[in-house]
Amino acid sequence: MDFFSFFRKKQTPPSGSVAKDRLKLVLVHDRVNCSSQVLEMLKTDIIKVISNYMEIDTDELDIQITQTQSEDNNGTVPVLYANIPIKSMRKMNHED
């Protein structure tokens, strides 16, 4: 380990890059007519439903609307992206 690496400034993305990513996110939300309030309600509902079946790490949760290439390669389409770390599965009582 380099002794001086402890004192060096950590690399952060350029502010222009961060601003560009934020603008893309705003444009995608606008395109699908999804306000930040709606996205937060969606996150809350997803967490509530998934929590019935498993314990999740809500601190590391990442749910967002982004874009991906359409299947017919005719532009981009909005997608819901969810990265939800699972801590453990809940024991379920199965009643027949």
Protein backbone atom coordinates (compact mmCIF):
# COMPACT_ATOMS: atom_id res chain seq x y z
CA MET A 1 0.00 0.00 0.00
CA ASP A 2 1.28 3.43 -0.92
CA PHE A 3 1.75 5.46 2.27
CA PHE A 4 0.85 8.74 0.57
CA SER A 5 -2.35 7.38 -0.99
CA PHE A 6 -4.06 7.98 2.37
CA PHE A 7 -3.49 11.72 1.99
CA ARG A 8 -4.52 12.06 -1.64
CA LYS A 9 -7.86 13.52 -2.55
CA LYS A 10 -10.38 10.87 -3.54
CA GLN A 11 -11.54 10.88 -7.14
CA THR A 12 -15.05 12.25 -7.61
CA PRO A 13 -16.91 12.45 -10.89
CA PRO A 14 -16.71 15.84 -12.60
CA SER A 15 -19.65 18.09 -11.70
CA GLY A 16 -20.56 18.38 -15.39
CA SER A 17 -20.97 14.60 -15.56
CA VAL A 18 -23.17 14.58 -12.46
CA ALA A 19 -25.30 17.42 -13.83
CA LYS A 20 -25.69 15.62 -17.16
CA ASP A 21 -26.85 12.42 -15.40
CA ARG A 22 -29.36 14.39 -13.31
CA LEU A 23 -30.72 16.10 -16.41
CA LYS A 24 -31.15 12.73 -18.14
CA LEU A 25 -33.08 11.46 -15.11
CA VAL A 26 -35.36 14.52 -15.11
CA LEU A 27 -36.00 14.15 -18.85
CA VAL A 28 -36.86 10.46 -18.50
CA HIS A 29 -39.26 11.17 -15.62
CA ASP A 30 -40.87 13.91 -17.69
CA ARG A 31 -41.16 11.64 -20.73
CA VAL A 32 -43.05 8.96 -18.81
CA ASN A 33 -45.05 11.57 -16.88
CA CYS A 34 -43.69 10.35 -13.54
CA SER A 35 -43.15 13.00 -10.90
CA SER A 36 -40.73 12.50 -8.02
CA GLN A 37 -43.76 12.11 -5.73
CA VAL A 38 -45.12 9.26 -7.87
CA LEU A 39 -41.70 7.60 -7.94
CA GLU A 40 -41.50 7.82 -4.12
CA MET A 41 -44.99 6.30 -3.77
CA LEU A 42 -43.95 3.52 -6.16
CA LYS A 43 -40.81 2.85 -4.09
CA THR A 44 -42.88 2.72 -0.89
CA ASP A 45 -45.33 0.25 -2.43
CA ILE A 46 -42.55 -1.97 -3.81
CA ILE A 47 -40.77 -2.02 -0.43
CA LYS A 48 -44.04 -2.84 1.37
CA VAL A 49 -44.86 -5.79 -0.91
CA ILE A 50 -41.35 -7.25 -1.06
CA SER A 51 -40.97 -6.90 2.71
CA ASN A 52 -43.83 -9.37 3.14
CA TYR A 53 -41.57 -12.08 1.68
CA MET A 54 -38.03 -11.05 2.57
CA GLU A 55 -35.97 -8.71 4.71
CA ILE A 56 -34.33 -6.12 2.48
CA ASP A 57 -31.62 -3.52 2.97
CA THR A 58 -33.55 -0.28 2.50
CA ASP A 59 -30.38 1.79 2.94
CA GLU A 60 -28.84 0.26 -0.19
CA LEU A 61 -32.08 0.16 -2.18
CA ASP A 62 -31.97 1.72 -5.64
CA ILE A 63 -35.18 2.15 -7.63
CA GLN A 64 -35.30 4.50 -10.59
CA ILE A 65 -36.78 5.08 -13.98
CA THR A 66 -34.20 5.13 -16.74
CA GLN A 67 -34.00 4.41 -20.47
CA THR A 68 -32.89 1.45 -22.53
CA GLN A 69 -32.75 0.65 -26.23
CA SER A 70 -36.08 -0.65 -27.54
CA GLU A 71 -36.25 -4.27 -28.71
CA ASP A 72 -36.73 -3.19 -32.32
CA ASN A 73 -33.77 -0.76 -32.01
CA ASN A 74 -36.12 2.08 -32.89
CA GLY A 75 -35.07 4.50 -30.15
CA THR A 76 -35.17 4.25 -26.38
CA VAL A 77 -37.94 3.28 -24.00
CA PRO A 78 -38.36 3.99 -20.28
CA VAL A 79 -37.69 1.13 -17.86
CA LEU A 80 -38.11 0.68 -14.13
CA TYR A 81 -34.78 -0.35 -12.62
CA ALA A 82 -34.75 -1.89 -9.14
CA ASN A 83 -31.68 -3.07 -7.25
CA ILE A 84 -32.94 -4.41 -3.93
CA PRO A 85 -30.39 -6.14 -1.67
CA ILE A 86 -31.96 -9.10 0.15
CA LYS A 87 -30.82 -9.73 3.72
CA SER A 88 -32.89 -12.88 4.29
CA MET A 89 -36.05 -14.68 3.25
CA ARG A 90 -38.99 -14.63 5.64
CA LYS A 91 -40.47 -17.91 6.85
CA MET A 92 -43.90 -18.27 5.33
CA ASN A 93 -46.77 -20.24 6.85
CA HIS A 94 -48.29 -22.20 4.00
CA GLU A 95 -51.90 -23.04 4.62
CA ASP A 96 -53.45 -25.60 2.28
